[in-house]
Amino acid sequence: MKKISSLLIVLSIGLYLSVQTASAQLPIKIKIPKTKSDPTSSQPRQATPDVDRSESRSDSATRTGAGKPSGSGASRIYVDLHPTSKLLWVKDSIRIKAKTHDEYWKLPNERKYSSWAPTLGFDLFYDNKTDVNYVAEYLNPDGSSWFTEELDHSTYDPAPETGTVHYQSKDTFNNLQTRSTAAIGNYGVRIKNHETGEIVFQGRFKVNKFRWDDNPQDKNKFDFFVEHDWLLPIGYVGFNENTGFDFGAKPIDVSIWLKGSSDTKDLEARVFFNGRQIATTANDGGVVNRTEEIGTEHSIYTTDVHDWKLWHFEWTKRLVYDNSGEFNHNNLPDAFFADKNPGDYVVKIFRKGTQVRELQFTIGPDSRIVDAGYQKPMTLTEYKVIVPVKVIGAAEKWNATAWQTDAFYGNPLPGFSAR
């Protein structure tokens, strides 16, 4: 019995020493909670409008293999974009509108005397871990200051992995009650960092008006709107989302602006490669108005001249893109894989059987959609490029030269030319 007890004591001591040795070899992790940067810091962050994201984010990730899909050895052509603390201005996201009010604070006793105030919105691509505040300063046609307003922004934290932080006018109701105007013309706008006063955007917008009620008693009743004819020759080709899709085939998305009323059933987009039609939305895809609409509150009465809508066209079964290179093409036997067929593609868009738009895009030898550089750095959060769009026919009443001076609110694209 004594021998057994002695043996147990020796074994216990050995086990204890083994546990202590193993514990000393295990790393000890101390989780330090993250803290937000102080928004009152003397070094506030600035938006960076001149960043080429294709080099800093997508191309570099692909070269280093960071874009490989999980569990595979293939490199994706396009990889996810993730926000960081660096502020990136998404220039093509800015929208400026005129909000109509059927009262005018300077003439409180007048019946239905319409006035308006501006509203705007834009996106920043960053992680939203620190409050970054902006203000918008509006200028009268003569260049004098009209008023300045603080901008509201998304409060979620952090920003979605591939999302943006949206900024917009904060108190439009108060602006209509105390700052609205009844005058039309060319107005200016500056967007500034509230802490530093740095101007991150400067432009101008043209406001016009129209009457939609013929009642003689309502002679001072109008709808105000911002002219957006510059949108019509500008189109996009790419994908609807920023995600670097791993597997499967994703349709290429073509989006263009149409003026006036249109119905999905009236629209058709045909795509040609080497002069041969390879797809049509009549049989192989879809047409979608993704609610991106710019117009007046009563544009239903005058849609032909005061309403602009962004339309998307996809050929879900015929013109697709295999980002990972691992999709089983036998699953879509009739599909035309754009990434495997470099060259020029022509898209013709028809409304009620009549062609109204035409554009061209190119798939390069690297399988990417060729970027002519118009948008650098216009779009940061989606894989899409800007392409010129030819407006065909006289059905749409529009200013065919507006894009030369008014594009992106007085910031036309260098080198861009409407065909």
Protein backbone atom coordinates (compact mmCIF):
# COMPACT_ATOMS: atom_id res chain seq x y z
CA MET A 1 0.00 0.00 0.00
CA LYS A 2 2.86 2.39 0.78
CA LYS A 3 4.37 1.69 -2.62
CA ILE A 4 1.09 2.54 -4.31
CA SER A 5 0.76 5.79 -2.33
CA SER A 6 4.27 6.81 -3.20
CA LEU A 7 3.62 6.11 -6.84
CA LEU A 8 0.48 8.24 -6.79
CA ILE A 9 2.38 11.12 -5.22
CA VAL A 10 5.08 10.98 -7.91
CA LEU A 11 2.51 10.88 -10.70
CA SER A 12 0.60 13.82 -9.23
CA ILE A 13 3.75 15.92 -9.01
CA GLY A 14 4.62 15.07 -12.65
CA LEU A 15 1.15 15.92 -13.88
CA TYR A 16 1.22 19.27 -12.06
CA LEU A 17 4.59 20.21 -13.58
CA SER A 18 3.40 19.23 -17.08
CA VAL A 19 0.33 21.46 -16.81
CA GLN A 20 2.41 24.40 -15.60
CA THR A 21 4.87 23.98 -18.47
CA ALA A 22 2.09 23.81 -21.07
CA SER A 23 0.38 26.87 -19.61
CA ALA A 24 3.57 28.87 -19.90
CA GLN A 25 3.78 28.03 -23.60
CA LEU A 26 0.21 29.17 -24.46
CA PRO A 27 -0.12 32.81 -25.64
CA ILE A 28 -2.22 35.02 -23.43
CA LYS A 29 -4.52 37.37 -25.33
CA ILE A 30 -5.74 40.54 -23.73
CA LYS A 31 -8.64 42.14 -25.60
CA ILE A 32 -8.27 45.90 -25.60
CA PRO A 33 -11.54 47.66 -26.46
CA LYS A 34 -11.40 49.92 -29.48
CA THR A 35 -11.98 53.60 -28.87
CA LYS A 36 -13.30 56.14 -31.29
CA SER A 37 -11.15 59.02 -32.33
CA ASP A 38 -12.02 62.26 -30.64
CA PRO A 39 -14.19 64.26 -33.07
CA THR A 40 -12.87 67.44 -31.50
CA SER A 41 -9.29 66.47 -32.28
CA SER A 42 -7.11 69.18 -33.76
CA GLN A 43 -6.37 66.83 -36.67
CA PRO A 44 -9.78 66.08 -38.26
CA ARG A 45 -9.79 63.82 -41.27
CA GLN A 46 -10.39 65.17 -44.74
CA ALA A 47 -12.21 63.71 -47.68
CA THR A 48 -9.84 62.60 -50.42
CA PRO A 49 -11.40 63.21 -53.85
CA ASP A 50 -8.30 62.36 -55.88
CA VAL A 51 -7.74 58.69 -55.10
CA ASP A 52 -7.57 56.05 -57.85
CA ARG A 53 -9.19 53.12 -56.09
CA SER A 54 -8.54 50.70 -58.95
CA GLU A 55 -4.83 50.68 -58.10
CA SER A 56 -4.94 51.06 -54.33
CA ARG A 57 -7.72 48.55 -53.72
CA SER A 58 -8.71 46.16 -56.46
CA ASP A 59 -5.58 45.73 -58.62
CA SER A 60 -3.17 45.43 -55.72
CA ALA A 61 -5.34 42.88 -53.95
CA THR A 62 -5.54 40.71 -57.04
CA ARG A 63 -1.78 40.83 -57.61
CA THR A 64 -1.02 39.74 -54.07
CA GLY A 65 -3.56 36.94 -54.11
CA ALA A 66 -5.82 38.65 -51.57
CA GLY A 67 -8.68 38.22 -53.99
CA LYS A 68 -8.66 34.45 -54.06
CA PRO A 69 -12.06 32.94 -53.32
CA SER A 70 -12.30 30.93 -50.15
CA GLY A 71 -11.16 27.36 -50.60
CA SER A 72 -9.91 27.78 -54.14
CA GLY A 73 -6.69 28.50 -55.93
CA ALA A 74 -8.17 30.88 -58.48
CA SER A 75 -7.70 34.64 -58.30
CA ARG A 76 -10.76 36.79 -58.65
CA ILE A 77 -10.63 39.54 -61.23
CA TYR A 78 -12.56 41.93 -58.98
CA VAL A 79 -12.23 41.85 -55.20
CA ASP A 80 -14.19 43.38 -52.36
CA LEU A 81 -13.69 47.02 -51.45
CA HIS A 82 -13.62 47.73 -47.73
CA PRO A 83 -13.86 51.16 -46.09
CA THR A 84 -11.04 52.41 -43.92
CA SER A 85 -10.49 55.53 -41.85
CA LYS A 86 -9.53 57.38 -45.03
CA LEU A 87 -12.35 59.55 -46.38
CA LEU A 88 -13.09 58.90 -50.03
CA TRP A 89 -15.54 61.21 -51.78
CA VAL A 90 -17.97 59.37 -54.06
CA LYS A 91 -18.41 62.20 -56.51
CA ASP A 92 -21.07 60.68 -58.73
CA SER A 93 -23.35 60.21 -55.70
CA ILE A 94 -24.15 63.90 -55.23
CA ARG A 95 -27.72 64.94 -56.01
CA ILE A 96 -29.08 68.49 -55.70
CA LYS A 97 -32.82 69.12 -55.85
CA ALA A 98 -35.24 72.01 -55.36
CA LYS A 99 -37.92 71.45 -52.74
CA THR A 100 -41.12 73.37 -53.53
CA HIS A 101 -43.21 75.04 -50.85
CA ASP A 102 -46.65 76.57 -51.49
CA GLU A 103 -45.90 79.46 -49.17
CA TYR A 104 -43.32 82.23 -49.13
CA TRP A 105 -42.16 83.47 -45.76
CA LYS A 106 -41.46 86.96 -47.11
CA LEU A 107 -45.11 87.29 -48.22
CA PRO A 108 -47.08 85.55 -45.44
CA ASN A 109 -50.42 87.01 -46.50
CA GLU A 110 -50.23 85.86 -50.12
CA ARG A 111 -52.32 82.83 -51.10
CA LYS A 112 -50.30 79.92 -52.50
CA TYR A 113 -47.22 81.91 -53.38
CA SER A 114 -44.67 79.20 -54.17
CA SER A 115 -41.04 79.25 -53.09
CA TRP A 116 -38.25 76.70 -52.87
CA ALA A 117 -35.15 75.69 -50.96
CA PRO A 118 -32.30 73.39 -52.03
CA THR A 119 -31.69 69.89 -50.71
CA LEU A 120 -28.65 67.76 -51.37
CA GLY A 121 -27.13 64.39 -50.58
CA PHE A 122 -23.83 62.59 -51.23
CA ASP A 123 -21.83 59.58 -50.06
CA LEU A 124 -18.46 59.15 -48.38
CA PHE A 125 -16.70 55.79 -48.42
CA TYR A 126 -15.10 55.32 -45.00
CA ASP A 127 -15.56 53.22 -41.86
CA ASN A 128 -17.62 55.83 -39.95
CA LYS A 129 -15.73 55.22 -36.73
CA THR A 130 -15.29 58.94 -36.17
CA ASP A 131 -17.88 61.66 -36.62
CA VAL A 132 -16.95 63.79 -39.61
CA ASN A 133 -19.26 66.78 -39.99
CA TYR A 134 -19.98 68.80 -43.11
CA VAL A 135 -21.95 71.91 -43.94
CA ALA A 136 -23.35 73.14 -47.23
CA GLU A 137 -23.11 76.80 -48.13
CA TYR A 138 -25.46 78.02 -50.85
CA LEU A 139 -24.73 81.06 -53.00
CA ASN A 140 -27.11 83.39 -54.81
CA PRO A 141 -26.83 83.88 -58.59
CA ASP A 142 -24.79 87.04 -57.98
CA GLY A 143 -22.26 85.09 -55.92
CA SER A 144 -23.35 86.42 -52.53
CA SER A 145 -23.92 84.02 -49.64
CA TRP A 146 -27.51 82.77 -49.31
CA PHE A 147 -27.39 80.49 -46.26
CA THR A 148 -25.42 77.64 -44.70
CA GLU A 149 -26.87 74.42 -43.31
CA GLU A 150 -25.46 71.53 -41.32
CA LEU A 151 -25.67 68.13 -43.00
CA ASP A 152 -26.98 65.01 -41.35
CA HIS A 153 -25.30 61.65 -41.89
CA SER A 154 -25.69 57.96 -41.21
CA THR A 155 -25.20 57.13 -37.56
CA TYR A 156 -24.50 53.38 -37.76
CA ASP A 157 -21.04 52.30 -36.66
CA PRO A 158 -19.09 50.92 -38.26
CA ALA A 159 -20.11 51.40 -41.86
CA PRO A 160 -21.10 48.23 -43.75
CA GLU A 161 -18.09 46.40 -45.12
CA THR A 162 -18.80 47.53 -48.65
CA GLY A 163 -21.13 50.42 -47.96
CA THR A 164 -20.97 54.18 -47.73
CA VAL A 165 -21.91 56.86 -45.23
CA HIS A 166 -24.67 59.05 -46.61
CA TYR A 167 -24.84 62.79 -45.93
CA GLN A 168 -27.93 64.88 -46.61
CA SER A 169 -29.72 68.13 -45.84
CA LYS A 170 -30.73 68.18 -42.20
CA ASP A 171 -33.57 70.66 -41.72
CA THR A 172 -35.34 71.28 -45.03
CA PHE A 173 -38.61 72.22 -43.31
CA ASN A 174 -36.96 75.07 -41.40
CA ASN A 175 -35.18 76.22 -44.56
CA LEU A 176 -38.53 76.44 -46.36
CA GLN A 177 -40.03 78.41 -43.49
CA THR A 178 -37.22 80.94 -43.10
CA ARG A 179 -34.84 80.87 -46.08
CA SER A 180 -36.75 79.90 -49.22
CA THR A 181 -36.78 82.03 -52.37
CA ALA A 182 -39.10 82.49 -55.33
CA ALA A 183 -36.30 83.39 -57.74
CA ILE A 184 -34.87 81.05 -60.38
CA GLY A 185 -31.40 81.08 -61.91
CA ASN A 186 -27.91 79.64 -61.45
CA TYR A 187 -27.07 79.01 -57.81
CA GLY A 188 -23.78 77.96 -56.26
CA VAL A 189 -22.94 75.43 -53.56
CA ARG A 190 -19.88 74.67 -51.44
CA ILE A 191 -19.59 71.64 -49.18
CA LYS A 192 -17.12 72.20 -46.34
CA ASN A 193 -15.58 70.28 -43.50
CA HIS A 194 -17.26 71.85 -40.50
CA GLU A 195 -14.16 71.71 -38.30
CA THR A 196 -11.53 72.92 -40.75
CA GLY A 197 -13.51 74.93 -43.30
CA GLU A 198 -11.86 72.97 -46.12
CA ILE A 199 -13.99 72.97 -49.30
CA VAL A 200 -14.41 69.39 -50.50
CA PHE A 201 -16.91 70.16 -53.27
CA GLN A 202 -17.81 73.29 -55.18
CA GLY A 203 -20.35 73.55 -57.97
CA ARG A 204 -23.46 75.20 -59.30
CA PHE A 205 -26.95 74.19 -60.30
CA LYS A 206 -29.63 75.74 -62.49
CA VAL A 207 -33.13 76.13 -61.03
CA ASN A 208 -36.20 76.60 -63.20
CA LYS A 209 -39.96 76.47 -62.64
CA PHE A 210 -43.21 75.58 -64.36
CA ARG A 211 -46.94 75.93 -63.74
CA TRP A 212 -49.03 72.78 -63.50
CA ASP A 213 -52.25 74.37 -62.27
CA ASP A 214 -54.11 76.67 -64.70
CA ASN A 215 -56.37 78.16 -62.04
CA PRO A 216 -56.11 81.97 -62.50
CA GLN A 217 -56.24 82.44 -58.73
CA ASP A 218 -53.04 80.41 -58.45
CA LYS A 219 -50.94 82.56 -60.74
CA ASN A 220 -48.05 82.48 -58.25
CA LYS A 221 -48.15 78.72 -57.78
CA PHE A 222 -45.24 76.89 -59.41
CA ASP A 223 -43.13 73.79 -59.15
CA PHE A 224 -39.38 74.38 -59.01
CA PHE A 225 -36.79 71.91 -60.25
CA VAL A 226 -33.07 71.59 -60.93
CA GLU A 227 -32.11 71.06 -64.57
CA HIS A 228 -30.51 67.63 -65.12
CA ASP A 229 -30.26 67.28 -68.90
CA TRP A 230 -26.51 66.76 -68.47
CA LEU A 231 -27.28 63.25 -67.20
CA LEU A 232 -28.57 61.90 -70.52
CA PRO A 233 -25.23 61.35 -72.34
CA ILE A 234 -23.63 59.70 -69.26
CA GLY A 235 -23.99 55.95 -68.75
CA TYR A 236 -22.46 53.21 -66.61
CA VAL A 237 -21.29 49.68 -67.31
CA GLY A 238 -20.32 47.28 -64.56
CA PHE A 239 -21.98 45.44 -61.72
CA ASN A 240 -24.76 46.47 -59.36
CA GLU A 241 -22.72 45.86 -56.26
CA ASN A 242 -19.24 46.22 -54.91
CA THR A 243 -18.89 42.59 -53.83
CA GLY A 244 -16.09 40.56 -55.34
CA PHE A 245 -18.37 37.61 -56.08
CA ASP A 246 -16.56 34.31 -55.53
CA PHE A 247 -18.49 31.75 -57.50
CA GLY A 248 -21.23 31.73 -60.07
CA ALA A 249 -21.88 33.96 -63.02
CA LYS A 250 -22.98 37.57 -62.60
CA PRO A 251 -24.71 39.62 -65.29
CA ILE A 252 -23.12 42.79 -66.59
CA ASP A 253 -25.26 45.82 -65.79
CA VAL A 254 -25.73 48.73 -68.21
CA SER A 255 -27.46 51.83 -66.86
CA ILE A 256 -28.59 54.95 -68.67
CA TRP A 257 -30.84 57.94 -68.01
CA LEU A 258 -34.09 58.49 -69.88
CA LYS A 259 -36.13 61.65 -69.84
CA GLY A 260 -39.90 61.51 -69.65
CA SER A 261 -42.29 58.72 -68.82
CA SER A 262 -41.33 55.15 -69.68
CA ASP A 263 -42.62 51.73 -68.75
CA THR A 264 -40.57 48.61 -68.27
CA LYS A 265 -42.54 46.74 -70.91
CA ASP A 266 -41.77 49.48 -73.47
CA LEU A 267 -37.99 49.15 -73.15
CA GLU A 268 -35.60 46.68 -74.75
CA ALA A 269 -31.80 46.53 -74.79
CA ARG A 270 -29.87 44.52 -77.38
CA VAL A 271 -26.16 43.82 -77.11
CA PHE A 272 -23.86 43.11 -80.06
CA PHE A 273 -20.37 41.61 -80.23
CA ASN A 274 -18.39 41.76 -83.49
CA GLY A 275 -21.53 42.95 -85.23
CA ARG A 276 -23.59 39.95 -84.08
CA GLN A 277 -26.49 40.26 -81.64
CA ILE A 278 -25.78 38.03 -78.67
CA ALA A 279 -28.56 39.02 -76.25
CA THR A 280 -31.75 41.02 -75.82
CA THR A 281 -33.67 41.86 -72.66
CA ALA A 282 -36.83 40.85 -74.52
CA ASN A 283 -35.86 37.20 -73.94
CA ASP A 284 -32.68 36.98 -71.91
CA GLY A 285 -32.70 39.54 -69.13
CA GLY A 286 -34.42 42.31 -67.31
CA VAL A 287 -35.13 46.03 -67.29
CA VAL A 288 -35.30 47.78 -63.94
CA ASN A 289 -35.90 51.33 -62.77
CA ARG A 290 -34.07 51.25 -59.44
CA THR A 291 -36.02 54.23 -58.05
CA GLU A 292 -33.24 56.67 -58.96
CA GLU A 293 -35.44 59.49 -60.13
CA ILE A 294 -34.89 63.22 -60.35
CA GLY A 295 -37.78 65.51 -61.07
CA THR A 296 -40.44 67.72 -59.49
CA GLU A 297 -43.19 66.80 -57.08
CA HIS A 298 -45.79 67.24 -59.80
CA SER A 299 -43.72 65.88 -62.68
CA ILE A 300 -46.57 63.48 -63.44
CA TYR A 301 -48.17 66.37 -65.30
CA THR A 302 -45.09 67.26 -67.33
CA THR A 303 -42.90 64.16 -67.37
CA ASP A 304 -41.54 64.89 -70.83
CA VAL A 305 -39.51 67.88 -69.68
CA HIS A 306 -39.09 67.66 -65.91
CA ASP A 307 -38.42 64.02 -65.09
CA TRP A 308 -35.18 61.98 -65.34
CA LYS A 309 -34.94 58.29 -64.42
CA LEU A 310 -32.01 55.88 -64.24
CA TRP A 311 -32.74 52.56 -65.96
CA HIS A 312 -30.73 49.35 -65.58
CA PHE A 313 -30.44 46.59 -68.18
CA GLU A 314 -29.11 43.07 -67.56
CA TRP A 315 -28.98 39.90 -69.62
CA THR A 316 -29.10 37.38 -66.81
CA LYS A 317 -28.91 34.23 -68.92
CA ARG A 318 -26.98 35.39 -71.95
CA LEU A 319 -24.33 38.02 -71.15
CA VAL A 320 -22.59 37.07 -67.93
CA TYR A 321 -19.27 37.43 -66.18
CA ASP A 322 -17.36 34.68 -64.33
CA ASN A 323 -15.30 36.57 -61.77
CA SER A 324 -13.65 33.56 -60.10
CA GLY A 325 -13.03 31.46 -63.21
CA GLU A 326 -14.50 28.45 -61.41
CA PHE A 327 -18.12 28.58 -62.55
CA ASN A 328 -19.31 25.50 -64.42
CA HIS A 329 -20.20 26.96 -67.79
CA ASN A 330 -22.35 23.93 -68.52
CA ASN A 331 -24.88 25.35 -66.07
CA LEU A 332 -25.54 28.18 -68.55
CA PRO A 333 -25.01 26.48 -71.91
CA ASP A 334 -26.37 29.42 -73.93
CA ALA A 335 -24.48 32.13 -72.05
CA PHE A 336 -21.86 34.40 -73.59
CA PHE A 337 -19.07 34.91 -71.05
CA ALA A 338 -17.75 38.44 -71.50
CA ASP A 339 -14.59 37.86 -69.46
CA LYS A 340 -13.60 35.10 -71.91
CA ASN A 341 -14.35 37.26 -74.97
CA PRO A 342 -12.33 40.49 -74.98
CA GLY A 343 -13.33 43.11 -77.49
CA ASP A 344 -15.92 45.80 -78.19
CA TYR A 345 -19.58 45.48 -77.24
CA VAL A 346 -22.35 47.71 -78.54
CA VAL A 347 -25.63 48.20 -76.67
CA LYS A 348 -28.71 49.57 -78.42
CA ILE A 349 -31.71 50.59 -76.35
CA PHE A 350 -35.22 50.81 -77.78
CA ARG A 351 -38.40 52.41 -76.48
CA LYS A 352 -41.59 51.07 -78.06
CA GLY A 353 -39.51 49.62 -80.88
CA THR A 354 -37.66 52.87 -81.69
CA GLN A 355 -33.97 53.18 -80.86
CA VAL A 356 -33.30 55.94 -78.34
CA ARG A 357 -29.80 55.19 -77.01
CA GLU A 358 -26.53 53.59 -78.05
CA LEU A 359 -23.31 53.03 -76.16
CA GLN A 360 -20.15 50.96 -76.37
CA PHE A 361 -17.92 49.26 -73.83
CA THR A 362 -14.82 47.11 -74.10
CA ILE A 363 -13.56 44.01 -72.30
CA GLY A 364 -9.77 44.20 -72.24
CA PRO A 365 -7.27 41.34 -72.56
CA ASP A 366 -7.07 41.27 -68.74
CA SER A 367 -10.82 40.42 -68.67
CA ARG A 368 -11.66 43.76 -67.05
CA ILE A 369 -14.17 46.29 -68.31
CA VAL A 370 -11.93 48.94 -69.86
CA ASP A 371 -11.90 52.16 -67.90
CA ALA A 372 -11.47 55.28 -70.02
CA GLY A 373 -10.67 57.26 -66.87
CA TYR A 374 -13.67 59.60 -66.94
CA GLN A 375 -14.81 58.69 -63.46
CA LYS A 376 -11.46 58.68 -61.67
CA PRO A 377 -12.18 58.93 -58.88
CA MET A 378 -15.90 59.30 -59.59
CA THR A 379 -17.12 55.91 -58.39
CA LEU A 380 -15.45 54.12 -55.53
CA THR A 381 -17.89 51.57 -54.15
CA GLU A 382 -19.08 49.68 -57.21
CA TYR A 383 -17.22 48.13 -60.11
CA LYS A 384 -18.53 50.27 -62.91
CA VAL A 385 -17.11 52.68 -65.46
CA ILE A 386 -18.59 55.75 -67.10
CA VAL A 387 -19.22 55.55 -70.84
CA PRO A 388 -20.55 58.13 -73.32
CA VAL A 389 -24.15 57.54 -74.42
CA LYS A 390 -25.54 58.62 -77.77
CA VAL A 391 -29.03 60.10 -77.50
CA ILE A 392 -31.00 59.18 -80.63
CA GLY A 393 -34.17 60.78 -81.94
CA ALA A 394 -36.05 63.97 -81.15
CA ALA A 395 -38.73 62.55 -78.84
CA GLU A 396 -36.96 63.85 -75.73
CA LYS A 397 -36.80 67.61 -75.38
CA TRP A 398 -33.41 68.30 -73.86
CA ASN A 399 -30.40 70.58 -73.90
CA ALA A 400 -27.88 68.59 -75.96
CA THR A 401 -24.91 70.72 -74.84
CA ALA A 402 -25.62 70.81 -71.09
CA TRP A 403 -23.07 68.05 -70.37
CA GLN A 404 -20.26 70.30 -71.58
CA THR A 405 -20.64 72.75 -68.68
CA ASP A 406 -23.25 71.41 -66.23
CA ALA A 407 -22.17 67.79 -65.71
CA PHE A 408 -21.89 66.90 -62.03
CA TYR A 409 -23.08 70.38 -61.14
CA GLY A 410 -20.46 72.39 -62.95
CA ASN A 411 -17.70 69.78 -62.78
CA PRO A 412 -17.63 68.23 -66.28
CA LEU A 413 -15.50 65.15 -66.85
CA PRO A 414 -12.08 65.82 -68.40
CA GLY A 415 -11.81 64.27 -71.85
CA PHE A 416 -15.45 63.15 -71.91
CA SER A 417 -17.33 63.68 -75.17
CA ALA A 418 -20.93 62.71 -75.93
CA ARG A 419 -21.05 60.78 -79.18
